[in-house]
N, C-alpha and C. Protein backbone atom coordinates (compact mmCIF):
# COMPACT_ATOMS: atom_id res chain seq x y z
N MET A 1 24.32 63.33 343.56
CA MET A 1 24.90 62.16 342.95
C MET A 1 24.44 62.07 341.50
N ALA A 2 25.35 61.71 340.63
CA ALA A 2 25.02 61.57 339.21
C ALA A 2 24.12 60.36 338.98
N ASP A 3 23.30 60.43 337.94
CA ASP A 3 22.40 59.34 337.58
C ASP A 3 23.06 58.32 336.66
N PHE A 4 24.11 58.75 335.96
CA PHE A 4 24.70 57.91 334.92
C PHE A 4 26.17 58.25 334.77
N ILE A 5 26.85 57.42 333.98
CA ILE A 5 28.23 57.72 333.60
C ILE A 5 28.37 57.48 332.10
N LYS A 6 29.00 58.43 331.44
CA LYS A 6 29.39 58.27 330.04
C LYS A 6 30.90 58.15 330.08
N ILE A 7 31.42 57.03 329.63
CA ILE A 7 32.81 56.69 329.86
C ILE A 7 33.77 57.37 328.89
N ASN A 8 33.38 57.48 327.61
CA ASN A 8 34.25 58.03 326.58
C ASN A 8 33.44 58.98 325.70
N ALA A 9 34.07 60.01 325.19
CA ALA A 9 33.37 60.98 324.35
C ALA A 9 32.74 60.34 323.11
N ALA A 10 33.30 59.23 322.63
CA ALA A 10 32.78 58.56 321.43
C ALA A 10 31.59 57.64 321.72
N ASP A 11 31.27 57.41 322.99
CA ASP A 11 30.21 56.47 323.35
C ASP A 11 28.84 56.93 322.85
N ASN A 12 28.02 55.96 322.40
CA ASN A 12 26.65 56.27 322.01
C ASN A 12 25.64 55.76 323.05
N VAL A 13 26.17 55.32 324.20
CA VAL A 13 25.35 54.90 325.33
C VAL A 13 25.95 55.47 326.61
N ALA A 14 25.10 55.53 327.64
CA ALA A 14 25.56 55.88 328.98
C ALA A 14 25.04 54.78 329.91
N VAL A 15 25.66 54.64 331.07
CA VAL A 15 25.32 53.58 332.02
C VAL A 15 24.69 54.20 333.26
N ALA A 16 23.52 53.66 333.65
CA ALA A 16 22.84 54.13 334.86
C ALA A 16 23.63 53.71 336.10
N ILE A 17 23.86 54.65 337.00
CA ILE A 17 24.56 54.35 338.26
C ILE A 17 23.59 53.76 339.27
N HIS A 18 22.36 54.17 339.19
CA HIS A 18 21.29 53.62 340.03
C HIS A 18 20.05 53.52 339.15
N ASP A 19 19.01 52.85 339.62
CA ASP A 19 17.79 52.75 338.81
C ASP A 19 17.28 54.15 338.47
N ILE A 20 16.91 54.34 337.19
CA ILE A 20 16.34 55.61 336.74
C ILE A 20 14.97 55.29 336.14
N GLU A 21 13.96 55.97 336.61
CA GLU A 21 12.59 55.70 336.17
C GLU A 21 12.34 56.24 334.76
N ALA A 22 11.44 55.57 334.04
CA ALA A 22 11.00 56.05 332.72
C ALA A 22 10.43 57.46 332.88
N ASP A 23 10.52 58.24 331.86
CA ASP A 23 10.06 59.63 331.80
C ASP A 23 10.94 60.59 332.59
N SER A 24 12.05 60.08 333.16
CA SER A 24 13.03 60.98 333.79
C SER A 24 13.81 61.66 332.67
N THR A 25 14.35 62.82 332.96
CA THR A 25 15.19 63.53 332.01
C THR A 25 16.59 63.65 332.57
N VAL A 26 17.58 63.31 331.74
CA VAL A 26 18.98 63.44 332.14
C VAL A 26 19.68 64.37 331.16
N ALA A 27 20.64 65.12 331.64
CA ALA A 27 21.41 66.03 330.79
C ALA A 27 22.74 65.36 330.47
N VAL A 28 22.99 65.12 329.18
CA VAL A 28 24.22 64.47 328.73
C VAL A 28 24.83 65.33 327.63
N ASP A 29 26.04 65.79 327.83
CA ASP A 29 26.75 66.57 326.81
C ASP A 29 25.91 67.71 326.27
N GLY A 30 25.21 68.42 327.15
CA GLY A 30 24.41 69.57 326.75
C GLY A 30 23.06 69.23 326.15
N MET A 31 22.70 67.93 326.09
CA MET A 31 21.40 67.51 325.58
C MET A 31 20.54 67.03 326.74
N ASN A 32 19.27 67.34 326.70
CA ASN A 32 18.32 66.78 327.66
C ASN A 32 17.69 65.56 327.01
N ILE A 33 17.88 64.40 327.63
CA ILE A 33 17.37 63.15 327.09
C ILE A 33 16.28 62.63 328.01
N SER A 34 15.09 62.42 327.45
CA SER A 34 13.98 61.85 328.19
C SER A 34 14.05 60.33 328.05
N LEU A 35 14.10 59.64 329.17
CA LEU A 35 14.21 58.18 329.14
C LEU A 35 12.84 57.56 328.89
N CYS A 36 12.76 56.73 327.85
CA CYS A 36 11.48 56.10 327.49
C CYS A 36 11.24 54.84 328.30
N ASP A 37 12.27 54.27 328.87
CA ASP A 37 12.18 53.03 329.63
C ASP A 37 12.77 53.24 331.02
N ARG A 38 12.41 52.36 331.93
CA ARG A 38 13.09 52.31 333.22
C ARG A 38 14.47 51.72 332.94
N ILE A 39 15.52 52.37 333.44
CA ILE A 39 16.88 51.91 333.22
C ILE A 39 17.43 51.39 334.56
N PRO A 40 17.57 50.07 334.70
CA PRO A 40 18.11 49.53 335.95
C PRO A 40 19.59 49.91 336.12
N ALA A 41 20.02 49.98 337.35
CA ALA A 41 21.43 50.27 337.65
C ALA A 41 22.33 49.30 336.89
N GLY A 42 23.39 49.85 336.28
CA GLY A 42 24.35 49.04 335.54
C GLY A 42 23.96 48.78 334.10
N HIS A 43 22.77 49.21 333.69
CA HIS A 43 22.33 49.01 332.31
C HIS A 43 22.53 50.28 331.50
N LYS A 44 22.49 50.14 330.19
CA LYS A 44 22.79 51.23 329.27
C LYS A 44 21.53 51.82 328.67
N PHE A 45 21.60 53.11 328.34
CA PHE A 45 20.54 53.76 327.57
C PHE A 45 21.17 54.50 326.39
N ALA A 46 20.37 54.61 325.33
CA ALA A 46 20.85 55.21 324.08
C ALA A 46 20.91 56.73 324.19
N LEU A 47 22.00 57.30 323.74
CA LEU A 47 22.16 58.75 323.74
C LEU A 47 21.57 59.39 322.48
N ARG A 48 21.25 58.55 321.50
CA ARG A 48 20.59 59.00 320.27
C ARG A 48 19.81 57.81 319.73
N ALA A 49 18.89 58.05 318.81
CA ALA A 49 18.15 56.96 318.19
C ALA A 49 19.14 56.08 317.42
N MET A 50 18.96 54.75 317.56
CA MET A 50 19.89 53.80 316.94
C MET A 50 19.08 52.69 316.27
N GLN A 51 19.70 52.06 315.26
CA GLN A 51 19.01 51.02 314.49
C GLN A 51 19.58 49.63 314.77
N ALA A 52 18.73 48.60 314.59
CA ALA A 52 19.16 47.21 314.75
C ALA A 52 20.41 46.96 313.92
N GLY A 53 21.35 46.24 314.50
CA GLY A 53 22.60 45.92 313.82
C GLY A 53 23.71 46.94 314.03
N GLU A 54 23.35 48.12 314.52
CA GLU A 54 24.33 49.19 314.74
C GLU A 54 25.24 48.82 315.93
N ASP A 55 26.50 49.25 315.86
CA ASP A 55 27.42 49.02 316.97
C ASP A 55 27.01 49.80 318.21
N VAL A 56 27.13 49.16 319.35
CA VAL A 56 27.00 49.84 320.64
C VAL A 56 28.41 50.23 321.04
N ILE A 57 28.63 51.53 321.24
CA ILE A 57 29.96 52.04 321.56
C ILE A 57 30.02 52.40 323.05
N LYS A 58 30.91 51.73 323.77
CA LYS A 58 31.15 51.99 325.20
C LYS A 58 32.65 51.88 325.39
N TYR A 59 33.23 52.69 326.23
CA TYR A 59 34.68 52.76 326.42
C TYR A 59 35.37 53.25 325.14
N GLY A 60 34.59 53.84 324.20
CA GLY A 60 35.14 54.31 322.95
C GLY A 60 35.29 53.21 321.90
N PHE A 61 34.84 52.00 322.21
CA PHE A 61 34.98 50.86 321.30
C PHE A 61 33.65 50.12 321.17
N PRO A 62 33.44 49.42 320.04
CA PRO A 62 32.22 48.62 319.90
C PRO A 62 32.24 47.45 320.90
N ILE A 63 31.12 47.26 321.59
CA ILE A 63 31.02 46.16 322.55
C ILE A 63 29.94 45.15 322.14
N GLY A 64 29.25 45.43 321.06
CA GLY A 64 28.19 44.54 320.59
C GLY A 64 27.38 45.25 319.53
N HIS A 65 26.32 44.57 319.08
CA HIS A 65 25.43 45.10 318.05
C HIS A 65 24.01 45.10 318.59
N LEU A 66 23.24 46.11 318.22
CA LEU A 66 21.86 46.18 318.67
C LEU A 66 21.03 45.05 318.07
N LEU A 67 20.14 44.51 318.88
CA LEU A 67 19.24 43.45 318.43
C LEU A 67 17.99 44.02 317.78
N SER A 68 17.64 45.26 318.16
CA SER A 68 16.47 45.93 317.61
C SER A 68 16.69 47.44 317.65
N ASP A 69 15.82 48.18 316.96
CA ASP A 69 15.90 49.64 317.00
C ASP A 69 15.70 50.12 318.43
N VAL A 70 16.39 51.19 318.80
CA VAL A 70 16.27 51.78 320.14
C VAL A 70 16.12 53.29 319.98
N PRO A 71 15.06 53.86 320.55
CA PRO A 71 14.93 55.31 320.48
C PRO A 71 15.91 56.00 321.44
N GLN A 72 16.14 57.27 321.22
CA GLN A 72 16.95 58.03 322.17
C GLN A 72 16.32 57.88 323.56
N GLY A 73 17.14 57.55 324.54
CA GLY A 73 16.64 57.37 325.90
C GLY A 73 16.09 55.99 326.19
N GLY A 74 16.20 55.07 325.23
CA GLY A 74 15.70 53.72 325.42
C GLY A 74 16.74 52.80 326.02
N LEU A 75 16.27 51.74 326.67
CA LEU A 75 17.14 50.71 327.23
C LEU A 75 17.84 49.98 326.10
N VAL A 76 19.14 49.79 326.21
CA VAL A 76 19.93 49.16 325.15
C VAL A 76 20.16 47.69 325.48
N ASP A 77 19.79 46.82 324.52
CA ASP A 77 20.03 45.39 324.61
C ASP A 77 20.85 45.03 323.37
N HIS A 78 21.91 44.27 323.55
CA HIS A 78 22.77 43.94 322.40
C HIS A 78 23.31 42.54 322.56
N SER A 79 23.91 42.05 321.48
CA SER A 79 24.55 40.74 321.53
C SER A 79 26.03 40.88 321.27
């Protein structure tokens, strides 16, 4: 069973299908990403390092803006 889903090629986040523990490694688009945080099911993690104010792209479209910097593999929180 997959750990996550990336919905669109333009997305800069992926969504955990089930809880994924911190320090787990997932392979996304040929990259191995080490998760720095525990990612609860249904929550997003960053596919690359991102800065506060940057658009969160899911479904190929912006769905919000980051509230703080997020490292690659970090839990994404946005408004």
